[in-house]
Amino acid sequence: MVRRKTSYKDTSALMGIPRKGSRKITIEGEEYRWLVRRKATYSQADYGSGKIQVAIEHAKERGATLHVETGRPHPKDWNTVKVVPVTPADISLWIAKAIQKGWDPKNAGPTYRICEE
């Protein structure tokens, strides 16, 4: 048996969004899958500065994942006064912006990150 040596850098492009718990959205004939992590990370819940983060990928073809840092307070953060939900309209807008800036959802590559404040 031959074992291939992989680094974390190599496997990041291979990981995808799980189907369970994710939602689908169709934009201009292309189907995408998106997910907001339900469980807050330690830093999202305990420091008073946790923000909602969204992962988006093409639903049919494996490519680069889009990671959106929303700037919206995470509902589980102890300092959150008002929760602003992530809507399909937000997802559509972020996908359009990312594609304009150079994200190619159908080609493999590193995670593409955008920050929306």
PDB file of N, CA and C in Angstrom:
ATOM      1  N   MET A   1       0.839  -1.174   0.000  1.00  0.00           N
ATOM      2  CA  MET A   1       0.000   0.000   0.000  1.00  0.00           C
ATOM      3  C   MET A   1       0.889   1.245   0.000  1.00  0.00           C
ATOM      4  N   VAL A   2       0.608   2.147  -0.901  1.00  0.00           N
ATOM      5  CA  VAL A   2       1.376   3.383  -1.003  1.00  0.00           C
ATOM      6  C   VAL A   2       0.593   4.497  -0.335  1.00  0.00           C
ATOM      7  N   ARG A   3       1.228   5.183   0.581  1.00  0.00           N
ATOM      8  CA  ARG A   3       0.566   6.298   1.260  1.00  0.00           C
ATOM      9  C   ARG A   3       1.074   7.603   0.690  1.00  0.00           C
ATOM     10  N   ARG A   4       0.146   8.461   0.383  1.00  0.00           N
ATOM     11  CA  ARG A   4       0.515   9.781  -0.104  1.00  0.00           C
ATOM     12  C   ARG A   4       0.639  10.722   1.064  1.00  0.00           C
ATOM     13  N   LYS A   5       1.616  11.537   1.002  1.00  0.00           N
ATOM     14  CA  LYS A   5       1.819  12.535   2.042  1.00  0.00           C
ATOM     15  C   LYS A   5       1.057  13.791   1.641  1.00  0.00           C
ATOM     16  N   THR A   6       0.149  14.228   2.500  1.00  0.00           N
ATOM     17  CA  THR A   6      -0.586  15.457   2.211  1.00  0.00           C
ATOM     18  C   THR A   6      -0.394  16.427   3.359  1.00  0.00           C
ATOM     19  N   SER A   7      -0.410  17.669   3.017  1.00  0.00           N
ATOM     20  CA  SER A   7      -0.325  18.696   4.054  1.00  0.00           C
ATOM     21  C   SER A   7      -1.695  19.321   4.222  1.00  0.00           C
ATOM     22  N   TYR A   8      -1.858  20.120   5.251  1.00  0.00           N
ATOM     23  CA  TYR A   8      -3.129  20.802   5.466  1.00  0.00           C
ATOM     24  C   TYR A   8      -3.469  21.700   4.286  1.00  0.00           C
ATOM     25  N   LYS A   9      -2.467  22.282   3.688  1.00  0.00           N
ATOM     26  CA  LYS A   9      -2.678  23.157   2.543  1.00  0.00           C
ATOM     27  C   LYS A   9      -3.321  22.385   1.393  1.00  0.00           C
ATOM     28  N   ASP A  10      -2.883  21.137   1.170  1.00  0.00           N
ATOM     29  CA  ASP A  10      -3.410  20.320   0.088  1.00  0.00           C
ATOM     30  C   ASP A  10      -4.859  19.912   0.331  1.00  0.00           C
ATOM     31  N   THR A  11      -5.216  19.604   1.563  1.00  0.00           N
ATOM     32  CA  THR A  11      -6.549  19.092   1.845  1.00  0.00           C
ATOM     33  C   THR A  11      -7.601  20.185   1.949  1.00  0.00           C
ATOM     34  N   SER A  12      -7.222  21.432   2.111  1.00  0.00           N
ATOM     35  CA  SER A  12      -8.221  22.492   2.262  1.00  0.00           C
ATOM     36  C   SER A  12      -9.088  22.639   1.024  1.00  0.00           C
ATOM     37  N   ALA A  13      -8.535  22.389  -0.141  1.00  0.00           N
ATOM     38  CA  ALA A  13      -9.305  22.493  -1.373  1.00  0.00           C
ATOM     39  C   ALA A  13     -10.238  21.290  -1.550  1.00  0.00           C
ATOM     40  N   LEU A  14      -9.984  20.185  -0.835  1.00  0.00           N
ATOM     41  CA  LEU A  14     -10.777  18.983  -0.989  1.00  0.00           C
ATOM     42  C   LEU A  14     -12.005  18.964  -0.092  1.00  0.00           C
ATOM     43  N   MET A  15     -11.988  19.734   0.954  1.00  0.00           N
ATOM     44  CA  MET A  15     -13.102  19.723   1.894  1.00  0.00           C
ATOM     45  C   MET A  15     -14.278  20.487   1.322  1.00  0.00           C
ATOM     46  N   GLY A  16     -15.469  19.967   1.543  1.00  0.00           N
ATOM     47  CA  GLY A  16     -16.663  20.613   1.040  1.00  0.00           C
ATOM     48  C   GLY A  16     -17.660  20.862   2.147  1.00  0.00           C
ATOM     49  N   ILE A  17     -18.733  21.497   1.783  1.00  0.00           N
ATOM     50  CA  ILE A  17     -19.807  21.780   2.731  1.00  0.00           C
ATOM     51  C   ILE A  17     -20.680  20.531   2.829  1.00  0.00           C
ATOM     52  N   PRO A  18     -20.992  20.079   4.041  1.00  0.00           N
ATOM     53  CA  PRO A  18     -21.842  18.896   4.168  1.00  0.00           C
ATOM     54  C   PRO A  18     -23.248  19.179   3.650  1.00  0.00           C
ATOM     55  N   ARG A  19     -23.880  18.183   3.086  1.00  0.00           N
ATOM     56  CA  ARG A  19     -25.249  18.364   2.578  1.00  0.00           C
ATOM     57  C   ARG A  19     -26.237  18.543   3.724  1.00  0.00           C
ATOM     58  N   LYS A  20     -26.011  17.812   4.797  1.00  0.00           N
ATOM     59  CA  LYS A  20     -26.904  17.903   5.943  1.00  0.00           C
ATOM     60  C   LYS A  20     -26.761  19.278   6.592  1.00  0.00           C
ATOM     61  N   GLY A  21     -27.855  20.001   6.691  1.00  0.00           N
ATOM     62  CA  GLY A  21     -27.843  21.305   7.346  1.00  0.00           C
ATOM     63  C   GLY A  21     -27.542  22.467   6.422  1.00  0.00           C
ATOM     64  N   SER A  22     -27.148  22.182   5.178  1.00  0.00           N
ATOM     65  CA  SER A  22     -26.862  23.283   4.253  1.00  0.00           C
ATOM     66  C   SER A  22     -28.111  23.589   3.427  1.00  0.00           C
ATOM     67  N   ARG A  23     -28.106  24.740   2.790  1.00  0.00           N
ATOM     68  CA  ARG A  23     -29.241  25.162   1.963  1.00  0.00           C
ATOM     69  C   ARG A  23     -28.776  25.381   0.540  1.00  0.00           C
ATOM     70  N   LYS A  24     -29.707  25.237  -0.392  1.00  0.00           N
ATOM     71  CA  LYS A  24     -29.394  25.459  -1.804  1.00  0.00           C
ATOM     72  C   LYS A  24     -29.985  26.785  -2.259  1.00  0.00           C
ATOM     73  N   ILE A  25     -29.299  27.385  -3.227  1.00  0.00           N
ATOM     74  CA  ILE A  25     -29.787  28.601  -3.846  1.00  0.00           C
ATOM     75  C   ILE A  25     -29.352  28.571  -5.308  1.00  0.00           C
ATOM     76  N   THR A  26     -30.229  29.024  -6.202  1.00  0.00           N
ATOM     77  CA  THR A  26     -29.910  29.071  -7.626  1.00  0.00           C
ATOM     78  C   THR A  26     -29.792  30.526  -8.041  1.00  0.00           C
ATOM     79  N   ILE A  27     -28.662  30.852  -8.663  1.00  0.00           N
ATOM     80  CA  ILE A  27     -28.396  32.213  -9.117  1.00  0.00           C
ATOM     81  C   ILE A  27     -27.932  32.144 -10.561  1.00  0.00           C
ATOM     82  N   GLU A  28     -28.674  32.799 -11.438  1.00  0.00           N
ATOM     83  CA  GLU A  28     -28.365  32.826 -12.868  1.00  0.00           C
ATOM     84  C   GLU A  28     -28.139  31.425 -13.430  1.00  0.00           C
ATOM     85  N   GLY A  29     -28.980  30.483 -13.043  1.00  0.00           N
ATOM     86  CA  GLY A  29     -28.923  29.129 -13.553  1.00  0.00           C
ATOM     87  C   GLY A  29     -27.887  28.225 -12.890  1.00  0.00           C
ATOM     88  N   GLU A  30     -27.100  28.756 -11.978  1.00  0.00           N
ATOM     89  CA  GLU A  30     -26.081  27.980 -11.267  1.00  0.00           C
ATOM     90  C   GLU A  30     -26.571  27.679  -9.852  1.00  0.00           C
ATOM     91  N   GLU A  31     -26.409  26.435  -9.444  1.00  0.00           N
ATOM     92  CA  GLU A  31     -26.853  26.025  -8.112  1.00  0.00           C
ATOM     93  C   GLU A  31     -25.688  26.034  -7.139  1.00  0.00           C
ATOM     94  N   TYR A  32     -25.914  26.646  -5.975  1.00  0.00           N
ATOM     95  CA  TYR A  32     -24.900  26.746  -4.932  1.00  0.00           C
ATOM     96  C   TYR A  32     -25.451  26.144  -3.649  1.00  0.00           C
ATOM     97  N   ARG A  33     -24.548  25.767  -2.767  1.00  0.00           N
ATOM     98  CA  ARG A  33     -24.896  25.271  -1.441  1.00  0.00           C
ATOM     99  C   ARG A  33     -24.246  26.197  -0.426  1.00  0.00           C
ATOM    100  N   TRP A  34     -24.990  26.589   0.623  1.00  0.00           N
ATOM    101  CA  TRP A  34     -24.429  27.481   1.633  1.00  0.00           C
ATOM    102  C   TRP A  34     -24.794  27.004   3.034  1.00  0.00           C
ATOM    103  N   LEU A  35     -23.954  27.421   3.979  1.00  0.00           N
ATOM    104  CA  LEU A  35     -24.098  26.944   5.350  1.00  0.00           C
ATOM    105  C   LEU A  35     -23.605  27.989   6.341  1.00  0.00           C
ATOM    106  N   VAL A  36     -24.399  28.191   7.371  1.00  0.00           N
ATOM    107  CA  VAL A  36     -23.981  28.991   8.525  1.00  0.00           C
ATOM    108  C   VAL A  36     -23.778  27.993   9.650  1.00  0.00           C
ATOM    109  N   ARG A  37     -22.619  28.014  10.240  1.00  0.00           N
ATOM    110  CA  ARG A  37     -22.339  27.084  11.335  1.00  0.00           C
ATOM    111  C   ARG A  37     -23.319  27.341  12.477  1.00  0.00           C
ATOM    112  N   ARG A  38     -24.020  26.294  12.899  1.00  0.00           N
ATOM    113  CA  ARG A  38     -25.036  26.433  13.952  1.00  0.00           C
ATOM    114  C   ARG A  38     -24.414  26.630  15.329  1.00  0.00           C
ATOM    115  N   LYS A  39     -23.399  25.854  15.606  1.00  0.00           N
ATOM    116  CA  LYS A  39     -22.779  25.911  16.923  1.00  0.00           C
ATOM    117  C   LYS A  39     -21.672  26.964  16.905  1.00  0.00           C
ATOM    118  N   ALA A  40     -21.726  27.858  17.855  1.00  0.00           N
ATOM    119  CA  ALA A  40     -20.714  28.914  17.935  1.00  0.00           C
ATOM    120  C   ALA A  40     -19.374  28.344  18.373  1.00  0.00           C
ATOM    121  N   THR A  41     -18.312  28.859  17.786  1.00  0.00           N
ATOM    122  CA  THR A  41     -16.980  28.487  18.245  1.00  0.00           C
ATOM    123  C   THR A  41     -16.724  29.203  19.567  1.00  0.00           C
ATOM    124  N   TYR A  42     -15.683  28.823  20.252  1.00  0.00           N
ATOM    125  CA  TYR A  42     -15.343  29.448  21.525  1.00  0.00           C
ATOM    126  C   TYR A  42     -15.185  30.952  21.371  1.00  0.00           C
ATOM    127  N   SER A  43     -14.456  31.375  20.339  1.00  0.00           N
ATOM    128  CA  SER A  43     -14.225  32.808  20.152  1.00  0.00           C
ATOM    129  C   SER A  43     -15.491  33.543  19.717  1.00  0.00           C
ATOM    130  N   GLN A  44     -16.432  32.860  19.062  1.00  0.00           N
ATOM    131  CA  GLN A  44     -17.672  33.502  18.654  1.00  0.00           C
ATOM    132  C   GLN A  44     -18.626  33.713  19.827  1.00  0.00           C
ATOM    133  N   ALA A  45     -18.504  32.915  20.862  1.00  0.00           N
ATOM    134  CA  ALA A  45     -19.456  32.977  21.962  1.00  0.00           C
ATOM    135  C   ALA A  45     -18.948  33.692  23.207  1.00  0.00           C
ATOM    136  N   ASP A  46     -17.650  33.667  23.462  1.00  0.00           N
ATOM    137  CA  ASP A  46     -17.156  34.082  24.769  1.00  0.00           C
ATOM    138  C   ASP A  46     -16.396  35.401  24.842  1.00  0.00           C
ATOM    139  N   TYR A  47     -16.132  36.023  23.728  1.00  0.00           N
ATOM    140  CA  TYR A  47     -15.313  37.235  23.780  1.00  0.00           C
ATOM    141  C   TYR A  47     -16.063  38.516  23.479  1.00  0.00           C
ATOM    142  N   GLY A  48     -17.324  38.438  23.140  1.00  0.00           N
ATOM    143  CA  GLY A  48     -18.087  39.646  22.858  1.00  0.00           C
ATOM    144  C   GLY A  48     -17.822  40.230  21.485  1.00  0.00           C
ATOM    145  N   SER A  49     -17.152  39.477  20.631  1.00  0.00           N
ATOM    146  CA  SER A  49     -16.852  39.989  19.286  1.00  0.00           C
ATOM    147  C   SER A  49     -17.084  38.939  18.212  1.00  0.00           C
ATOM    148  N   GLY A  50     -17.878  37.909  18.514  1.00  0.00           N
ATOM    149  CA  GLY A  50     -18.131  36.832  17.553  1.00  0.00           C
ATOM    150  C   GLY A  50     -19.019  37.288  16.415  1.00  0.00           C
ATOM    151  N   LYS A  51     -18.654  36.928  15.207  1.00  0.00           N
ATOM    152  CA  LYS A  51     -19.398  37.299  14.003  1.00  0.00           C
ATOM    153  C   LYS A  51     -19.874  36.046  13.286  1.00  0.00           C
ATOM    154  N   ILE A  52     -20.988  36.180  12.555  1.00  0.00           N
ATOM    155  CA  ILE A  52     -21.514  35.078  11.756  1.00  0.00           C
ATOM    156  C   ILE A  52     -20.616  34.890  10.541  1.00  0.00           C
ATOM    157  N   GLN A  53     -20.290  33.633  10.255  1.00  0.00           N
ATOM    158  CA  GLN A  53     -19.480  33.293   9.086  1.00  0.00           C
ATOM    159  C   GLN A  53     -20.254  32.310   8.222  1.00  0.00           C
ATOM    160  N   VAL A  54     -20.160  32.491   6.905  1.00  0.00           N
ATOM    161  CA  VAL A  54     -20.918  31.683   5.957  1.00  0.00           C
ATOM    162  C   VAL A  54     -19.962  31.016   4.978  1.00  0.00           C
ATOM    163  N   ALA A  55     -20.219  29.749   4.669  1.00  0.00           N
ATOM    164  CA  ALA A  55     -19.462  29.031   3.647  1.00  0.00           C
ATOM    165  C   ALA A  55     -20.390  28.786   2.459  1.00  0.00           C
ATOM    166  N   ILE A  56     -19.869  29.015   1.248  1.00  0.00           N
ATOM    167  CA  ILE A  56     -20.661  28.857   0.024  1.00  0.00           C
ATOM    168  C   ILE A  56     -19.808  28.100  -0.990  1.00  0.00           C
ATOM    169  N   GLU A  57     -20.432  27.159  -1.720  1.00  0.00           N
ATOM    170  CA  GLU A  57     -19.732  26.451  -2.784  1.00  0.00           C
ATOM    171  C   GLU A  57     -20.710  26.111  -3.898  1.00  0.00           C
ATOM    172  N   HIS A  58     -20.165  25.802  -5.071  1.00  0.00           N
ATOM    173  CA  HIS A  58     -20.982  25.360  -6.193  1.00  0.00           C
ATOM    174  C   HIS A  58     -21.547  23.991  -5.836  1.00  0.00           C
ATOM    175  N   ALA A  59     -22.829  23.766  -6.098  1.00  0.00           N
ATOM    176  CA  ALA A  59     -23.476  22.524  -5.669  1.00  0.00           C
ATOM    177  C   ALA A  59     -23.132  21.328  -6.550  1.00  0.00           C
ATOM    178  N   LYS A  60     -22.834  21.551  -7.812  1.00  0.00           N
ATOM    179  CA  LYS A  60     -22.624  20.435  -8.739  1.00  0.00           C
ATOM    180  C   LYS A  60     -21.151  20.128  -8.994  1.00  0.00           C
ATOM    181  N   GLU A  61     -20.318  21.141  -9.047  1.00  0.00           N
ATOM    182  CA  GLU A  61     -18.912  20.944  -9.376  1.00  0.00           C
ATOM    183  C   GLU A  61     -18.031  21.330  -8.200  1.00  0.00           C
ATOM    184  N   ARG A  62     -17.008  20.510  -7.942  1.00  0.00           N
ATOM    185  CA  ARG A  62     -16.072  20.809  -6.854  1.00  0.00           C
ATOM    186  C   ARG A  62     -15.152  21.943  -7.263  1.00  0.00           C
ATOM    187  N   GLY A  63     -15.129  22.953  -6.454  1.00  0.00           N
ATOM    188  CA  GLY A  63     -14.265  24.091  -6.734  1.00  0.00           C
ATOM    189  C   GLY A  63     -13.879  24.773  -5.448  1.00  0.00           C
ATOM    190  N   ALA A  64     -13.448  25.996  -5.554  1.00  0.00           N
ATOM    191  CA  ALA A  64     -13.043  26.766  -4.379  1.00  0.00           C
ATOM    192  C   ALA A  64     -14.272  27.156  -3.564  1.00  0.00           C
ATOM    193  N   THR A  65     -14.138  27.067  -2.261  1.00  0.00           N
ATOM    194  CA  THR A  65     -15.205  27.473  -1.351  1.00  0.00           C
ATOM    195  C   THR A  65     -15.079  28.963  -1.073  1.00  0.00           C
ATOM    196  N   LEU A  66     -16.221  29.630  -0.963  1.00  0.00           N
ATOM    197  CA  LEU A  66     -16.263  31.048  -0.602  1.00  0.00           C
ATOM    198  C   LEU A  66     -16.544  31.136   0.892  1.00  0.00           C
ATOM    199  N   HIS A  67     -15.745  31.893   1.613  1.00  0.00           N
ATOM    200  CA  HIS A  67     -15.917  32.096   3.049  1.00  0.00           C
ATOM    201  C   HIS A  67     -16.237  33.565   3.267  1.00  0.00           C
ATOM    202  N   VAL A  68     -17.418  33.847   3.814  1.00  0.00           N
ATOM    203  CA  VAL A  68     -17.858  35.224   4.036  1.00  0.00           C
ATOM    204  C   VAL A  68     -17.862  35.517   5.525  1.00  0.00           C
ATOM    205  N   GLU A  69     -17.098  36.521   5.927  1.00  0.00           N
ATOM    206  CA  GLU A  69     -17.155  37.023   7.298  1.00  0.00           C
ATOM    207  C   GLU A  69     -18.139  38.185   7.262  1.00  0.00           C
ATOM    208  N   THR A  70     -19.302  37.997   7.882  1.00  0.00           N
ATOM    209  CA  THR A  70     -20.411  38.929   7.678  1.00  0.00           C
ATOM    210  C   THR A  70     -20.314  40.240   8.447  1.00  0.00           C
ATOM    211  N   GLY A  71     -19.656  40.242   9.566  1.00  0.00           N
ATOM    212  CA  GLY A  71     -19.653  41.444  10.393  1.00  0.00           C
ATOM    213  C   GLY A  71     -20.894  41.543  11.280  1.00  0.00           C
ATOM    214  N   ARG A  72     -21.798  40.583  11.145  1.00  0.00           N
ATOM    215  CA  ARG A  72     -23.010  40.558  11.974  1.00  0.00           C
ATOM    216  C   ARG A  72     -22.728  39.773  13.252  1.00  0.00           C
ATOM    217  N   PRO A  73     -23.232  40.246  14.382  1.00  0.00           N
ATOM    218  CA  PRO A  73     -22.974  39.541  15.643  1.00  0.00           C
ATOM    219  C   PRO A  73     -23.565  38.130  15.630  1.00  0.00           C
ATOM    220  N   HIS A  74     -22.797  37.181  16.150  1.00  0.00           N
ATOM    221  CA  HIS A  74     -23.274  35.803  16.249  1.00  0.00           C
ATOM    222  C   HIS A  74     -24.343  35.728  17.341  1.00  0.00           C
ATOM    223  N   PRO A  75     -25.472  35.044  17.091  1.00  0.00           N
ATOM    224  CA  PRO A  75     -26.546  34.970  18.088  1.00  0.00           C
ATOM    225  C   PRO A  75     -26.123  34.392  19.434  1.00  0.00           C
ATOM    226  N   LYS A  76     -25.103  33.531  19.442  1.00  0.00           N
ATOM    227  CA  LYS A  76     -24.649  32.909  20.692  1.00  0.00           C
ATOM    228  C   LYS A  76     -23.624  33.762  21.440  1.00  0.00           C
ATOM    229  N   ASP A  77     -23.223  34.865  20.852  1.00  0.00           N
ATOM    230  CA  ASP A  77     -22.244  35.748  21.494  1.00  0.00           C
ATOM    231  C   ASP A  77     -22.917  36.435  22.681  1.00  0.00           C
ATOM    232  N   TRP A  78     -22.269  36.464  23.798  1.00  0.00           N
ATOM    233  CA  TRP A  78     -22.849  37.039  25.014  1.00  0.00           C
ATOM    234  C   TRP A  78     -23.139  38.528  24.872  1.00  0.00           C
ATOM    235  N   ASN A  79     -22.496  39.198  23.933  1.00  0.00           N
ATOM    236  CA  ASN A  79     -22.653  40.635  23.764  1.00  0.00           C
ATOM    237  C   ASN A  79     -23.681  41.008  22.693  1.00  0.00           C
ATOM    238  N   THR A  80     -24.341  40.030  22.078  1.00  0.00           N
ATOM    239  CA  THR A  80     -25.293  40.302  21.003  1.00  0.00           C
ATOM    240  C   THR A  80     -26.598  40.841  21.567  1.00  0.00           C
ATOM    241  N   VAL A  81     -26.971  42.009  21.081  1.00  0.00           N
ATOM    242  CA  VAL A  81     -28.224  42.630  21.500  1.00  0.00           C
ATOM    243  C   VAL A  81     -29.306  42.362  20.458  1.00  0.00           C
ATOM    244  N   LYS A  82     -28.954  42.526  19.174  1.00  0.00           N
ATOM    245  CA  LYS A  82     -29.906  42.336  18.090  1.00  0.00           C
ATOM    246  C   LYS A  82     -29.322  41.344  17.082  1.00  0.00           C
ATOM    247  N   VAL A  83     -30.113  40.329  16.752  1.00  0.00           N
ATOM    248  CA  VAL A  83     -29.683  39.321  15.784  1.00  0.00           C
ATOM    249  C   VAL A  83     -30.178  39.724  14.397  1.00  0.00           C
ATOM    250  N   VAL A  84     -29.244  39.793  13.441  1.00  0.00           N
ATOM    251  CA  VAL A  84     -29.590  40.079  12.045  1.00  0.00           C
ATOM    252  C   VAL A  84     -29.354  38.789  11.265  1.00  0.00           C
ATOM    253  N   PRO A  85     -30.436  38.127  10.817  1.00  0.00           N
ATOM    254  CA  PRO A  85     -30.264  36.834  10.157  1.00  0.00           C
ATOM    255  C   PRO A  85     -29.626  36.950   8.773  1.00  0.00           C
ATOM    256  N   VAL A  86     -29.033  35.862   8.325  1.00  0.00           N
ATOM    257  CA  VAL A  86     -28.500  35.761   6.971  1.00  0.00           C
ATOM    258  C   VAL A  86     -29.638  35.244   6.095  1.00  0.00           C
ATOM    259  N   THR A  87     -29.949  35.960   5.030  1.00  0.00           N
ATOM    260  CA  THR A  87     -31.060  35.602   4.149  1.00  0.00           C
ATOM    261  C   THR A  87     -30.535  35.156   2.783  1.00  0.00           C
ATOM    262  N   PRO A  88     -31.361  34.469   2.007  1.00  0.00           N
ATOM    263  CA  PRO A  88     -30.955  34.111   0.651  1.00  0.00           C
ATOM    264  C   PRO A  88     -30.577  35.335  -0.204  1.00  0.00           C
ATOM    265  N   ALA A  89     -31.201  36.471   0.046  1.00  0.00           N
ATOM    266  CA  ALA A  89     -30.839  37.696  -0.685  1.00  0.00           C
ATOM    267  C   ALA A  89     -29.401  38.103  -0.362  1.00  0.00           C
ATOM    268  N   ASP A  90     -28.992  37.945   0.889  1.00  0.00           N
ATOM    269  CA  ASP A  90     -27.607  38.231   1.284  1.00  0.00           C
ATOM    270  C   ASP A  90     -26.647  37.292   0.563  1.00  0.00           C
ATOM    271  N   ILE A  91     -26.994  36.014   0.542  1.00  0.00           N
ATOM    272  CA  ILE A  91     -26.149  35.009  -0.107  1.00  0.00           C
ATOM    273  C   ILE A  91     -25.974  35.345  -1.583  1.00  0.00           C
ATOM    274  N   SER A  92     -27.075  35.688  -2.239  1.00  0.00           N
ATOM    275  CA  SER A  92     -27.036  36.063  -3.655  1.00  0.00           C
ATOM    276  C   SER A  92     -26.112  37.251  -3.894  1.00  0.00           C
ATOM    277  N   LEU A  93     -26.215  38.250  -3.054  1.00  0.00           N
ATOM    278  CA  LEU A  93     -25.375  39.450  -3.167  1.00  0.00           C
ATOM    279  C   LEU A  93     -23.901  39.111  -2.959  1.00  0.00           C
ATOM    280  N   TRP A  94     -23.590  38.300  -1.959  1.00  0.00           N
ATOM    281  CA  TRP A  94     -22.196  37.942  -1.662  1.00  0.00           C
ATOM    282  C   TRP A  94     -21.590  37.096  -2.773  1.00  0.00           C
ATOM    283  N   ILE A  95     -22.391  36.195  -3.352  1.00  0.00           N
ATOM    284  CA  ILE A  95     -21.893  35.393  -4.467  1.00  0.00           C
ATOM    285  C   ILE A  95     -21.565  36.291  -5.650  1.00  0.00           C
ATOM    286  N   ALA A  96     -22.468  37.214  -5.974  1.00  0.00           N
ATOM    287  CA  ALA A  96     -22.242  38.133  -7.095  1.00  0.00           C
ATOM    288  C   ALA A  96     -20.990  38.976  -6.868  1.00  0.00           C
ATOM    289  N   LYS A  97     -20.819  39.500  -5.659  1.00  0.00           N
ATOM    290  CA  LYS A  97     -19.628  40.307  -5.339  1.00  0.00           C
ATOM    291  C   LYS A  97     -18.348  39.494  -5.464  1.00  0.00           C
ATOM    292  N   ALA A  98     -18.367  38.266  -4.941  1.00  0.00           N
ATOM    293  CA  ALA A  98     -17.176  37.419  -4.976  1.00  0.00           C
ATOM    294  C   ALA A  98     -16.800  37.055  -6.412  1.00  0.00           C
ATOM    295  N   ILE A  99     -17.781  36.749  -7.241  1.00  0.00           N
ATOM    296  CA  ILE A  99     -17.505  36.424  -8.638  1.00  0.00           C
ATOM    297  C   ILE A  99     -16.920  37.639  -9.352  1.00  0.00           C
ATOM    298  N   GLN A 100     -17.460  38.822  -9.053  1.00  0.00           N
ATOM    299  CA  GLN A 100     -16.924  40.067  -9.626  1.00  0.00           C
ATOM    300  C   GLN A 100     -15.471  40.286  -9.231  1.00  0.00           C
ATOM    301  N   LYS A 101     -15.131  39.901  -7.998  1.00  0.00           N
ATOM    302  CA  LYS A 101     -13.767  40.102  -7.495  1.00  0.00           C
ATOM    303  C   LYS A 101     -12.808  38.986  -7.902  1.00  0.00           C
ATOM    304  N   GLY A 102     -13.317  37.947  -8.580  1.00  0.00           N
ATOM    305  CA  GLY A 102     -12.417  36.916  -9.077  1.00  0.00           C
ATOM    306  C   GLY A 102     -12.615  35.511  -8.551  1.00  0.00           C
ATOM    307  N   TRP A 103     -13.610  35.270  -7.718  1.00  0.00           N
ATOM    308  CA  TRP A 103     -13.870  33.912  -7.233  1.00  0.00           C
ATOM    309  C   TRP A 103     -14.410  33.063  -8.372  1.00  0.00           C
ATOM    310  N   ASP A 104     -13.828  31.906  -8.581  1.00  0.00           N
ATOM    311  CA  ASP A 104     -14.305  30.971  -9.599  1.00  0.00           C
ATOM    312  C   ASP A 104     -14.795  29.714  -8.890  1.00  0.00           C
ATOM    313  N   PRO A 105     -16.110  29.592  -8.703  1.00  0.00           N
ATOM    314  CA  PRO A 105     -16.648  28.490  -7.912  1.00  0.00           C
ATOM    315  C   PRO A 105     -16.495  27.108  -8.533  1.00  0.00           C
ATOM    316  N   LYS A 106     -16.161  27.045  -9.820  1.00  0.00           N
ATOM    317  CA  LYS A 106     -16.064  25.744 -10.494  1.00  0.00           C
ATOM    318  C   LYS A 106     -14.630  25.219 -10.578  1.00  0.00           C
ATOM    319  N   ASN A 107     -13.655  26.044 -10.279  1.00  0.00           N
ATOM    320  CA  ASN A 107     -12.258  25.612 -10.349  1.00  0.00           C
ATOM    321  C   ASN A 107     -11.670  25.462  -8.958  1.00  0.00           C
ATOM    322  N   ALA A 108     -10.983  24.363  -8.751  1.00  0.00           N
ATOM    323  CA  ALA A 108     -10.367  24.092  -7.453  1.00  0.00           C
ATOM    324  C   ALA A 108      -9.314  25.144  -7.139  1.00  0.00           C
ATOM    325  N   GLY A 109      -9.197  25.436  -5.894  1.00  0.00           N
ATOM    326  CA  GLY A 109      -8.209  26.411  -5.450  1.00  0.00           C
ATOM    327  C   GLY A 109      -8.379  26.659  -3.973  1.00  0.00           C
ATOM    328  N   PRO A 110      -7.621  27.602  -3.452  1.00  0.00           N
ATOM    329  CA  PRO A 110      -7.752  27.900  -2.024  1.00  0.00           C
ATOM    330  C   PRO A 110      -9.093  28.556  -1.722  1.00  0.00           C
ATOM    331  N   THR A 111      -9.466  28.522  -0.476  1.00  0.00           N
ATOM    332  CA  THR A 111     -10.696  29.172  -0.038  1.00  0.00           C
ATOM    333  C   THR A 111     -10.632  30.660  -0.354  1.00  0.00           C
ATOM    334  N   TYR A 112     -11.688  31.172  -0.964  1.00  0.00           N
ATOM    335  CA  TYR A 112     -11.756  32.592  -1.312  1.00  0.00           C
ATOM    336  C   TYR A 112     -12.489  33.303  -0.171  1.00  0.00           C
ATOM    337  N   ARG A 113     -11.881  34.308   0.402  1.00  0.00           N
ATOM    338  CA  ARG A 113     -12.454  34.996   1.567  1.00  0.00           C
ATOM    339  C   ARG A 113     -12.851  36.424   1.238  1.00  0.00           C
ATOM    340  N   ILE A 114     -14.042  36.806   1.702  1.00  0.00           N
ATOM    341  CA  ILE A 114     -14.460  38.194   1.615  1.00  0.00           C
ATOM    342  C   ILE A 114     -14.989  38.609   2.989  1.00  0.00           C
ATOM    343  N   CYS A 115     -14.865  39.879   3.269  1.00  0.00           N
ATOM    344  CA  CYS A 115     -15.309  40.410   4.552  1.00  0.00           C
ATOM    345  C   CYS A 115     -16.371  41.473   4.287  1.00  0.00           C
ATOM    346  N   GLU A 116     -17.549  41.286   4.834  1.00  0.00           N
ATOM    347  CA  GLU A 116     -18.654  42.239   4.683  1.00  0.00           C
ATOM    348  C   GLU A 116     -18.935  42.879   6.034  1.00  0.00           C
ATOM    349  N   GLU A 117     -18.638  44.116   6.162  1.00  0.00           N
ATOM    350  CA  GLU A 117     -18.869  44.810   7.445  1.00  0.00           C
ATOM    351  C   GLU A 117     -20.193  45.501   7.466  1.00  0.00           C
TER     352      GLU A 117
END
